[in-house]
Amino acid sequence: MSTSPNLDLALRLWPQVRDSGTVDDPAFLDALLATQGKPGAAAYEGGVSGTFACFPPDEVASFTLPSGEVTRDDEDARLLAHLLVTRVLLGSGLHVDRRVQRALADAHAIIWTARGTLQASPLALATSLWLVALDPLQVSDQPLAIDWTPEGFQDPERWDLEYRLFSHYDIHQRALDWVAYASGAPRRHPGCSAWTVVEPLLRFDDQRAQIALGQFATLAARGEDEAPALAAAMLDRARVEALLRAHLAAARS
């Protein structure tokens, strides 16, 4: 549980969305959609209007994921919350909704279009893999409808102001670039469980993703990952480990 009812709602809905692609009551999704562009949302102060607000602006945002990781700081928590809400909306079939399309575009703009070193935390990068995996257009060359006009996107140190055209496929490839890097060693994704990277990666139909999954499996077999966490978190990680074993077994057969 967090201090945010909206975030708790997104986390509560996620297992059903993840496993069946549905929610029992669409009104829950309306409640999440109603938080878009509200004060306290990620990058709101920079003029970005497509992100979802789970924490009020005067609160220091922080929470722990079911997989056991803790957000890095206030900015990280607000971005993670946006990703978790967007994940539920995409996974439940609302990819046709322009509000969800805008939320997806803003998330990708903040995380994956930055020039140079990625500034989002490994936890945010791993969580955002779900947005790529759930995007029906993930390998399309259709441009993302990113609104580049907000002041927050005008920092030339963080974004290339001369290059503003990114397709769904571009983001897909940038995400896989990071996954390939992160799968090399646990120290490359500090503060983020390997299983948090693995679970969305299982939904990528891509040879590079399969190679990275093999890398993660090798690291797990060597005991080279996973700091201790509460039992509930370790059980969640064990669930993903079982999915990975089944996936690799099916690939070999």
Protein backbone atom coordinates (compact mmCIF):
# COMPACT_ATOMS: atom_id res chain seq x y z
CA MET A 1 0.00 0.00 0.00
CA SER A 2 1.11 3.57 -0.71
CA THR A 3 -0.25 6.94 0.37
CA SER A 4 -2.00 7.24 -3.03
CA PRO A 5 -5.45 5.70 -3.59
CA ASN A 6 -5.01 6.03 -7.36
CA LEU A 7 -1.68 4.23 -7.34
CA ASP A 8 -3.08 1.53 -5.06
CA LEU A 9 -5.98 1.12 -7.50
CA ALA A 10 -3.58 0.68 -10.42
CA LEU A 11 -1.55 -1.88 -8.49
CA ARG A 12 -4.70 -3.74 -7.42
CA LEU A 13 -6.07 -3.89 -10.97
CA TRP A 14 -2.79 -4.96 -12.55
CA PRO A 15 -2.80 -8.73 -11.83
CA GLN A 16 -6.19 -9.13 -13.50
CA VAL A 17 -5.16 -6.93 -16.44
CA ARG A 18 -1.83 -8.75 -16.76
CA ASP A 19 -3.41 -12.20 -16.79
CA SER A 20 -6.67 -11.58 -18.67
CA GLY A 21 -6.47 -8.16 -20.35
CA THR A 22 -9.69 -7.06 -18.64
CA VAL A 23 -11.04 -5.34 -15.55
CA ASP A 24 -14.28 -6.21 -13.75
CA ASP A 25 -15.54 -2.63 -13.79
CA PRO A 26 -14.45 -0.10 -16.47
CA ALA A 27 -15.36 2.68 -14.05
CA PHE A 28 -12.06 1.94 -12.32
CA LEU A 29 -10.30 2.92 -15.54
CA ASP A 30 -12.31 6.14 -15.72
CA ALA A 31 -11.03 6.99 -12.23
CA LEU A 32 -7.44 6.56 -13.40
CA LEU A 33 -8.01 8.53 -16.61
CA ALA A 34 -9.42 11.42 -14.57
CA THR A 35 -6.00 12.03 -13.02
CA GLN A 36 -4.33 12.95 -16.32
CA GLY A 37 -2.70 16.36 -16.47
CA LYS A 38 -3.40 17.16 -12.82
CA PRO A 39 -0.93 18.93 -10.48
CA GLY A 40 1.57 16.46 -9.08
CA ALA A 41 1.86 14.43 -12.27
CA ALA A 42 5.29 13.61 -13.67
CA ALA A 43 6.81 16.58 -15.54
CA TYR A 44 3.68 18.66 -14.84
CA GLU A 45 5.78 21.63 -13.73
CA GLY A 46 7.50 21.54 -17.13
CA GLY A 47 4.19 21.86 -18.96
CA VAL A 48 3.70 18.18 -19.84
CA SER A 49 -0.03 17.42 -19.75
CA GLY A 50 -0.29 13.74 -20.69
CA THR A 51 0.96 12.17 -17.47
CA PHE A 52 -1.16 10.83 -14.61
CA ALA A 53 -1.08 12.29 -11.11
CA CYS A 54 -1.06 9.90 -8.16
CA PHE A 55 0.52 12.16 -5.54
CA PRO A 56 -0.31 15.78 -4.63
CA PRO A 57 2.38 18.30 -5.55
CA ASP A 58 3.14 19.21 -1.92
CA GLU A 59 3.89 15.62 -0.86
CA VAL A 60 7.26 13.89 -1.12
CA ALA A 61 6.26 10.91 -3.26
CA SER A 62 7.66 7.50 -2.42
CA PHE A 63 6.44 3.90 -2.53
CA THR A 64 7.53 0.27 -2.68
CA LEU A 65 6.61 -1.96 -5.61
CA PRO A 66 5.14 -5.45 -5.02
CA SER A 67 8.45 -6.81 -6.33
CA GLY A 68 10.22 -5.11 -3.41
CA GLU A 69 12.01 -2.15 -4.98
CA VAL A 70 11.72 1.34 -3.49
CA THR A 71 11.52 4.44 -5.66
CA ARG A 72 14.71 6.49 -5.85
CA ASP A 73 13.32 9.95 -5.11
CA ASP A 74 10.24 12.14 -5.58
CA GLU A 75 10.74 12.56 -9.33
CA ASP A 76 11.25 8.84 -9.78
CA ALA A 77 8.13 8.00 -7.76
CA ARG A 78 5.93 10.33 -9.82
CA LEU A 79 7.26 8.91 -13.08
CA LEU A 80 6.86 5.31 -11.84
CA ALA A 81 3.29 6.04 -10.79
CA HIS A 82 2.52 7.38 -14.27
CA LEU A 83 4.00 4.26 -15.85
CA LEU A 84 1.99 1.96 -13.60
CA VAL A 85 -1.29 3.72 -14.39
CA THR A 86 -0.52 3.77 -18.13
CA ARG A 87 0.37 0.08 -17.98
CA VAL A 88 -3.08 -0.79 -16.62
CA LEU A 89 -4.86 1.34 -19.23
CA LEU A 90 -2.87 -0.11 -22.13
CA GLY A 91 -3.16 -3.66 -20.86
CA SER A 92 -6.93 -3.40 -20.48
CA GLY A 93 -7.37 -2.44 -24.14
CA LEU A 94 -7.54 1.34 -24.04
CA HIS A 95 -4.75 1.84 -26.60
CA VAL A 96 -7.40 3.37 -28.90
CA ASP A 97 -8.08 6.20 -26.43
CA ARG A 98 -6.25 9.42 -27.31
CA ARG A 99 -5.60 10.11 -23.64
CA VAL A 100 -3.76 6.82 -23.32
CA GLN A 101 -1.88 7.45 -26.57
CA ARG A 102 -0.77 10.81 -25.17
CA ALA A 103 0.26 9.18 -21.89
CA LEU A 104 2.32 6.61 -23.80
CA ALA A 105 3.96 9.26 -25.97
CA ASP A 106 4.88 11.45 -23.00
CA ALA A 107 6.31 8.49 -21.10
CA HIS A 108 8.49 7.52 -24.05
CA ALA A 109 9.55 11.13 -24.59
CA ILE A 110 10.65 11.50 -20.98
CA ILE A 111 12.43 8.16 -20.78
CA TRP A 112 13.69 6.96 -24.15
CA THR A 113 14.20 10.01 -26.39
CA ALA A 114 16.78 11.71 -24.18
CA ARG A 115 20.16 12.26 -25.81
CA GLY A 116 23.23 10.66 -24.27
CA THR A 117 22.93 8.79 -21.00
CA LEU A 118 19.42 7.78 -19.96
CA GLN A 119 18.45 9.70 -16.83
CA ALA A 120 15.52 7.59 -15.64
CA SER A 121 16.23 5.09 -12.90
CA PRO A 122 16.71 1.42 -13.83
CA LEU A 123 13.42 0.76 -12.06
CA ALA A 124 11.61 3.25 -14.32
CA LEU A 125 13.37 1.89 -17.40
CA ALA A 126 12.38 -1.67 -16.53
CA THR A 127 8.77 -0.73 -15.75
CA SER A 128 8.47 1.23 -18.99
CA LEU A 129 9.25 -1.98 -20.89
CA TRP A 130 5.63 -2.90 -20.21
CA LEU A 131 4.49 0.10 -22.25
CA VAL A 132 6.57 -1.14 -25.17
CA ALA A 133 5.38 -4.72 -24.78
CA LEU A 134 1.70 -3.73 -24.59
CA ASP A 135 1.85 -1.27 -27.50
CA PRO A 136 0.12 -2.86 -30.53
CA LEU A 137 2.29 -0.64 -32.75
CA GLN A 138 5.59 -1.46 -31.06
CA VAL A 139 7.34 -2.44 -34.31
CA SER A 140 5.57 0.13 -36.50
CA ASP A 141 7.37 3.02 -38.16
CA GLN A 142 4.38 5.22 -37.34
CA PRO A 143 5.62 8.36 -35.53
CA LEU A 144 4.72 8.82 -31.89
CA ALA A 145 2.39 11.75 -31.35
CA ILE A 146 4.72 13.57 -28.95
CA ASP A 147 3.90 17.18 -28.14
CA TRP A 148 7.34 18.78 -27.96
CA THR A 149 6.08 22.28 -27.13
CA PRO A 150 6.20 22.09 -23.28
CA GLU A 151 9.03 23.97 -21.65
CA GLY A 152 10.18 20.76 -20.00
CA PHE A 153 11.26 19.38 -23.38
CA GLN A 154 13.40 22.37 -24.35
CA ASP A 155 16.57 21.48 -22.42
CA PRO A 156 19.31 20.99 -25.06
CA GLU A 157 21.42 19.09 -22.52
CA ARG A 158 18.76 16.40 -22.24
CA TRP A 159 17.07 16.40 -25.65
CA ASP A 160 18.26 17.01 -29.20
CA LEU A 161 16.14 19.97 -30.19
CA GLU A 162 16.89 19.36 -33.86
CA TYR A 163 15.66 15.75 -33.81
CA ARG A 164 12.06 15.30 -32.73
CA LEU A 165 10.73 12.43 -34.84
CA PHE A 166 10.51 9.04 -33.12
CA SER A 167 8.51 6.03 -34.21
CA HIS A 168 7.14 3.21 -32.09
CA TYR A 169 9.89 1.02 -33.57
CA ASP A 170 12.58 3.53 -32.57
CA ILE A 171 11.48 3.28 -28.94
CA HIS A 172 11.29 -0.52 -29.18
CA GLN A 173 14.90 -0.63 -30.34
CA ARG A 174 16.15 1.85 -27.75
CA ALA A 175 14.48 -0.19 -25.04
CA LEU A 176 16.18 -3.35 -26.30
CA ASP A 177 19.52 -1.55 -26.36
CA TRP A 178 19.13 -0.90 -22.63
CA VAL A 179 17.93 -4.45 -21.96
CA ALA A 180 21.00 -5.86 -23.71
CA TYR A 181 23.18 -3.67 -21.51
CA ALA A 182 21.29 -4.43 -18.29
CA SER A 183 21.38 -8.20 -18.83
CA GLY A 184 25.16 -8.20 -18.70
CA ALA A 185 25.52 -7.82 -14.92
CA PRO A 186 23.37 -7.00 -11.85
CA ARG A 187 25.36 -3.82 -11.23
CA ARG A 188 23.94 -2.41 -14.47
CA HIS A 189 20.44 -2.13 -13.03
CA PRO A 190 20.96 -1.01 -9.41
CA GLY A 191 17.83 -0.74 -7.30
CA CYS A 192 15.88 -2.92 -9.73
CA SER A 193 15.32 -6.65 -9.51
CA ALA A 194 16.25 -8.65 -12.61
CA TRP A 195 12.77 -10.15 -12.50
CA THR A 196 11.24 -6.70 -12.94
CA VAL A 197 13.10 -6.50 -16.25
CA VAL A 198 12.37 -10.09 -17.23
CA GLU A 199 8.58 -10.12 -16.90
CA PRO A 200 7.71 -7.56 -19.61
CA LEU A 201 10.59 -8.85 -21.72
CA LEU A 202 8.84 -12.22 -21.92
CA ARG A 203 6.25 -10.51 -24.13
CA PHE A 204 8.76 -9.24 -26.69
CA ASP A 205 8.81 -11.25 -29.91
CA ASP A 206 12.39 -10.39 -30.76
CA GLN A 207 15.65 -12.32 -30.98
CA ARG A 208 17.52 -9.71 -28.95
CA ALA A 209 14.99 -10.09 -26.16
CA GLN A 210 15.45 -13.85 -26.17
CA ILE A 211 19.21 -13.48 -25.86
CA ALA A 212 18.78 -11.12 -22.91
CA LEU A 213 16.38 -13.54 -21.23
CA GLY A 214 19.01 -16.24 -21.51
CA GLN A 215 21.53 -13.89 -19.93
CA PHE A 216 19.22 -13.15 -17.00
CA ALA A 217 18.58 -16.87 -16.52
CA THR A 218 22.33 -17.53 -16.41
CA LEU A 219 22.88 -14.80 -13.81
CA ALA A 220 20.03 -16.18 -11.69
CA ALA A 221 21.44 -19.71 -11.88
CA ARG A 222 24.79 -18.40 -10.66
CA GLY A 223 23.15 -16.61 -7.76
CA GLU A 224 24.51 -13.30 -9.01
CA ASP A 225 21.38 -11.27 -8.40
CA GLU A 226 18.60 -10.44 -5.98
CA ALA A 227 19.15 -8.67 -2.70
CA PRO A 228 16.99 -9.98 0.16
CA ALA A 229 13.46 -8.59 0.38
CA LEU A 230 10.23 -9.28 2.25
CA ALA A 231 8.70 -12.69 1.62
CA ALA A 232 5.81 -11.25 -0.44
CA ALA A 233 8.29 -9.62 -2.80
CA MET A 234 10.39 -12.76 -3.08
CA LEU A 235 7.26 -14.76 -3.91
CA ASP A 236 6.46 -12.26 -6.67
CA ARG A 237 9.97 -12.68 -8.06
CA ALA A 238 9.64 -16.46 -7.84
CA ARG A 239 6.45 -16.23 -9.93
CA VAL A 240 8.40 -14.49 -12.71
CA GLU A 241 11.30 -16.93 -12.39
CA ALA A 242 8.86 -19.77 -13.04
CA LEU A 243 7.52 -17.95 -16.09
CA LEU A 244 11.06 -17.57 -17.41
CA ARG A 245 11.85 -21.24 -16.90
CA ALA A 246 8.68 -22.23 -18.74
CA HIS A 247 9.44 -19.77 -21.53
CA LEU A 248 12.97 -21.06 -22.05
CA ALA A 249 11.79 -24.68 -21.92
CA ALA A 250 9.19 -23.98 -24.60
CA ALA A 251 11.81 -22.27 -26.76
CA ARG A 252 14.04 -25.34 -26.57
CA SER A 253 11.30 -27.82 -27.45
